[in-house]
N, C-alpha and C. Protein backbone atom coordinates (compact mmCIF):
# COMPACT_ATOMS: atom_id res chain seq x y z
N MET A 1 208.98 190.24 -26.76
CA MET A 1 209.03 189.11 -25.85
C MET A 1 210.09 189.39 -24.79
N THR A 2 209.71 189.14 -23.56
CA THR A 2 210.65 189.36 -22.47
C THR A 2 211.62 188.18 -22.37
N PHE A 3 212.72 188.42 -21.72
CA PHE A 3 213.71 187.37 -21.54
C PHE A 3 213.13 186.22 -20.71
N LYS A 4 212.29 186.55 -19.73
CA LYS A 4 211.66 185.53 -18.89
C LYS A 4 210.76 184.62 -19.73
N LYS A 5 209.97 185.22 -20.64
CA LYS A 5 209.11 184.42 -21.52
C LYS A 5 209.95 183.57 -22.47
N TYR A 6 211.04 184.14 -22.94
CA TYR A 6 211.95 183.41 -23.82
C TYR A 6 212.49 182.16 -23.12
N LEU A 7 212.98 182.33 -21.89
CA LEU A 7 213.51 181.19 -21.14
C LEU A 7 212.43 180.17 -20.83
N SER A 8 211.23 180.64 -20.53
CA SER A 8 210.11 179.75 -20.26
C SER A 8 209.79 178.91 -21.50
N GLY A 9 209.84 179.52 -22.68
CA GLY A 9 209.60 178.80 -23.92
C GLY A 9 210.68 177.76 -24.20
N ILE A 10 211.93 178.13 -23.93
CA ILE A 10 213.04 177.18 -24.11
C ILE A 10 212.87 175.99 -23.16
N TRP A 11 212.53 176.26 -21.91
CA TRP A 11 212.32 175.20 -20.93
C TRP A 11 211.18 174.29 -21.34
N SER A 12 210.08 174.88 -21.80
CA SER A 12 208.92 174.10 -22.23
C SER A 12 209.27 173.22 -23.43
N ALA A 13 209.96 173.77 -24.40
CA ALA A 13 210.37 173.00 -25.58
C ALA A 13 211.30 171.85 -25.19
N SER A 14 212.20 172.11 -24.26
CA SER A 14 213.13 171.07 -23.79
C SER A 14 212.37 169.94 -23.10
N SER A 15 211.38 170.31 -22.31
CA SER A 15 210.57 169.31 -21.61
C SER A 15 209.81 168.45 -22.61
N GLN A 16 209.23 169.07 -23.62
CA GLN A 16 208.50 168.32 -24.63
C GLN A 16 209.44 167.43 -25.43
N TRP A 17 210.61 167.96 -25.77
CA TRP A 17 211.58 167.17 -26.53
C TRP A 17 212.00 165.93 -25.74
N PHE A 18 212.34 166.13 -24.46
CA PHE A 18 212.75 165.01 -23.61
C PHE A 18 211.63 163.99 -23.49
N ASN A 19 210.39 164.48 -23.36
CA ASN A 19 209.24 163.59 -23.25
C ASN A 19 209.12 162.71 -24.49
N VAL A 20 209.40 163.26 -25.67
CA VAL A 20 209.30 162.50 -26.91
C VAL A 20 210.53 161.62 -27.13
N ALA A 21 211.71 162.22 -27.04
CA ALA A 21 212.95 161.52 -27.40
C ALA A 21 213.33 160.42 -26.41
N VAL A 22 213.11 160.66 -25.15
CA VAL A 22 213.56 159.70 -24.13
C VAL A 22 212.41 158.85 -23.58
N LEU A 23 211.27 159.51 -23.32
CA LEU A 23 210.14 158.80 -22.70
C LEU A 23 209.11 158.30 -23.71
N LEU A 24 209.36 158.59 -25.00
CA LEU A 24 208.48 158.16 -26.09
C LEU A 24 207.04 158.63 -25.90
N GLY A 25 206.90 159.87 -25.42
CA GLY A 25 205.58 160.43 -25.17
C GLY A 25 205.06 161.26 -26.33
N HIS A 26 203.95 161.93 -26.10
CA HIS A 26 203.32 162.78 -27.12
C HIS A 26 204.10 164.09 -27.25
N PRO A 27 204.29 164.58 -28.48
CA PRO A 27 205.12 165.77 -28.70
C PRO A 27 204.57 167.07 -28.08
N ASN A 28 203.29 167.12 -27.80
CA ASN A 28 202.73 168.34 -27.22
C ASN A 28 202.45 168.21 -25.73
N GLU A 29 203.11 167.28 -25.10
CA GLU A 29 202.91 167.06 -23.66
C GLU A 29 204.23 167.27 -22.94
N SER A 30 204.18 168.03 -21.87
CA SER A 30 205.39 168.26 -21.08
C SER A 30 205.61 167.08 -20.13
N ILE A 31 206.81 166.97 -19.63
CA ILE A 31 207.10 165.91 -18.66
C ILE A 31 206.25 166.10 -17.41
N SER A 32 206.15 167.34 -16.96
CA SER A 32 205.36 167.63 -15.75
C SER A 32 203.90 167.26 -15.94
N GLY A 33 203.34 167.64 -17.09
CA GLY A 33 201.94 167.30 -17.37
C GLY A 33 201.73 165.80 -17.45
N ARG A 34 202.70 165.13 -18.02
CA ARG A 34 202.61 163.67 -18.13
C ARG A 34 202.68 163.02 -16.75
N CYS A 35 203.49 163.58 -15.87
CA CYS A 35 203.60 163.03 -14.51
C CYS A 35 202.27 163.10 -13.76
N HIS A 36 201.46 164.11 -14.06
CA HIS A 36 200.17 164.22 -13.38
C HIS A 36 199.23 163.10 -13.80
N GLY A 37 199.22 162.75 -15.08
CA GLY A 37 198.29 161.74 -15.57
C GLY A 37 198.83 160.32 -15.53
N ALA A 38 200.14 160.17 -15.48
CA ALA A 38 200.74 158.84 -15.51
C ALA A 38 200.83 158.25 -14.10
N PRO A 39 200.89 156.95 -14.02
CA PRO A 39 201.03 156.31 -12.70
C PRO A 39 202.49 156.33 -12.21
N TRP A 40 203.02 157.53 -12.05
CA TRP A 40 204.40 157.71 -11.60
C TRP A 40 204.43 158.56 -10.32
N PRO A 41 203.95 158.05 -9.20
CA PRO A 41 203.85 158.88 -8.00
C PRO A 41 205.21 159.41 -7.51
N ARG A 42 206.25 158.61 -7.59
CA ARG A 42 207.57 159.08 -7.14
C ARG A 42 208.09 160.20 -8.03
N THR A 43 207.96 160.01 -9.33
CA THR A 43 208.42 161.03 -10.28
C THR A 43 207.64 162.32 -10.09
N LYS A 44 206.33 162.20 -9.89
CA LYS A 44 205.50 163.38 -9.66
C LYS A 44 205.96 164.12 -8.40
N ARG A 45 206.27 163.39 -7.35
CA ARG A 45 206.75 164.04 -6.12
C ARG A 45 208.07 164.76 -6.35
N VAL A 46 208.97 164.15 -7.12
CA VAL A 46 210.27 164.77 -7.41
C VAL A 46 210.08 166.04 -8.23
N VAL A 47 209.28 165.96 -9.28
CA VAL A 47 209.05 167.13 -10.13
C VAL A 47 208.39 168.24 -9.32
N ASN A 48 207.37 167.91 -8.54
CA ASN A 48 206.71 168.92 -7.71
C ASN A 48 207.69 169.54 -6.70
N ALA A 49 208.63 168.73 -6.20
CA ALA A 49 209.63 169.25 -5.26
C ALA A 49 210.59 170.22 -5.96
N LEU A 50 210.91 169.94 -7.24
CA LEU A 50 211.78 170.85 -8.00
C LEU A 50 211.12 172.22 -8.18
N PHE A 51 209.81 172.23 -8.29
CA PHE A 51 209.05 173.47 -8.44
C PHE A 51 208.32 173.76 -7.12
N PHE A 52 209.06 173.79 -6.05
CA PHE A 52 208.51 173.90 -4.69
C PHE A 52 207.68 175.15 -4.46
N TRP A 53 207.89 176.20 -5.25
CA TRP A 53 207.15 177.45 -5.06
C TRP A 53 205.74 177.39 -5.66
N GLN A 54 205.43 176.31 -6.40
CA GLN A 54 204.09 176.13 -6.95
C GLN A 54 203.36 175.06 -6.14
N VAL A 55 202.06 175.24 -5.97
CA VAL A 55 201.29 174.32 -5.12
C VAL A 55 201.31 172.89 -5.66
N ASP A 56 200.90 172.66 -6.87
CA ASP A 56 200.93 171.33 -7.48
C ASP A 56 201.35 171.54 -8.93
N HIS A 57 202.65 171.63 -9.15
CA HIS A 57 203.19 171.97 -10.46
C HIS A 57 202.71 171.00 -11.55
N CYS A 58 202.75 169.71 -11.28
CA CYS A 58 202.38 168.72 -12.29
C CYS A 58 200.92 168.87 -12.70
N LYS A 59 200.05 169.13 -11.75
CA LYS A 59 198.63 169.31 -12.06
C LYS A 59 198.42 170.57 -12.91
N SER A 60 199.05 171.66 -12.54
CA SER A 60 198.87 172.89 -13.32
C SER A 60 199.51 172.74 -14.70
N ALA A 61 200.62 172.00 -14.81
CA ALA A 61 201.25 171.75 -16.11
C ALA A 61 200.33 170.91 -17.00
N TYR A 62 199.68 169.93 -16.40
CA TYR A 62 198.74 169.09 -17.15
C TYR A 62 197.62 169.94 -17.73
N PHE A 63 197.00 170.76 -16.88
CA PHE A 63 195.89 171.59 -17.37
C PHE A 63 196.37 172.66 -18.35
N ASN A 64 197.60 173.10 -18.22
CA ASN A 64 198.16 174.03 -19.19
C ASN A 64 198.35 173.32 -20.54
N ASP A 65 198.81 172.08 -20.52
CA ASP A 65 198.93 171.29 -21.75
C ASP A 65 197.56 171.12 -22.41
N VAL A 66 196.54 170.84 -21.60
CA VAL A 66 195.18 170.67 -22.12
C VAL A 66 194.67 171.98 -22.73
N LYS A 67 194.95 173.09 -22.05
CA LYS A 67 194.52 174.41 -22.54
C LYS A 67 195.12 174.69 -23.91
N TRP A 68 196.43 174.43 -24.05
CA TRP A 68 197.09 174.66 -25.33
C TRP A 68 196.55 173.74 -26.42
N ALA A 69 196.24 172.49 -26.07
CA ALA A 69 195.69 171.55 -27.04
C ALA A 69 194.33 172.01 -27.53
N LYS A 70 193.48 172.49 -26.61
CA LYS A 70 192.16 173.00 -27.00
C LYS A 70 192.30 174.21 -27.90
N ALA A 71 193.20 175.12 -27.58
CA ALA A 71 193.41 176.32 -28.40
C ALA A 71 193.88 175.92 -29.80
N TYR A 72 194.77 174.94 -29.88
CA TYR A 72 195.26 174.46 -31.17
C TYR A 72 194.13 173.86 -31.99
N LEU A 73 193.30 173.03 -31.35
CA LEU A 73 192.19 172.40 -32.07
C LEU A 73 191.18 173.43 -32.55
N GLU A 74 190.90 174.43 -31.74
CA GLU A 74 189.97 175.49 -32.14
C GLU A 74 190.52 176.26 -33.34
N ALA A 75 191.79 176.59 -33.30
CA ALA A 75 192.41 177.33 -34.41
C ALA A 75 192.41 176.48 -35.67
N ASP A 76 192.68 175.19 -35.54
CA ASP A 76 192.69 174.30 -36.68
C ASP A 76 191.28 174.15 -37.28
N LYS A 77 190.26 174.08 -36.40
CA LYS A 77 188.89 173.97 -36.86
C LYS A 77 188.49 175.24 -37.62
N GLU A 78 188.91 176.38 -37.12
CA GLU A 78 188.60 177.65 -37.78
C GLU A 78 189.23 177.72 -39.16
N VAL A 79 190.49 177.32 -39.26
CA VAL A 79 191.19 177.35 -40.55
C VAL A 79 190.51 176.37 -41.52
N SER A 80 190.17 175.18 -41.03
CA SER A 80 189.53 174.16 -41.88
C SER A 80 188.18 174.64 -42.40
N SER A 81 187.43 175.34 -41.57
CA SER A 81 186.11 175.81 -42.00
C SER A 81 186.24 176.90 -43.07
N ARG A 82 187.30 177.67 -43.04
CA ARG A 82 187.52 178.72 -44.05
C ARG A 82 187.96 178.13 -45.38
N THR A 83 188.65 177.00 -45.36
CA THR A 83 189.18 176.44 -46.60
C THR A 83 188.25 175.44 -47.25
N SER A 84 187.17 175.05 -46.55
CA SER A 84 186.26 174.08 -47.18
C SER A 84 185.04 174.73 -47.76
């Protein structure tokens, strides 16, 4: 694992933790992903401004959260089918 991937993982975990502990959100959802789906236009603008080098950070974070959720569900379905 590269140092860049390591830092990215730490940042992602921190975002999810803050989303759960402070915003009472879902544990597998990042703050950025939540900003895309939630009615928080000001917060979304601020977060997107923080990640100014990305076109629409909150939207891509949302779809990344969805991608990970689908992968998790597929893996869980596969494990369940082997054990039943």
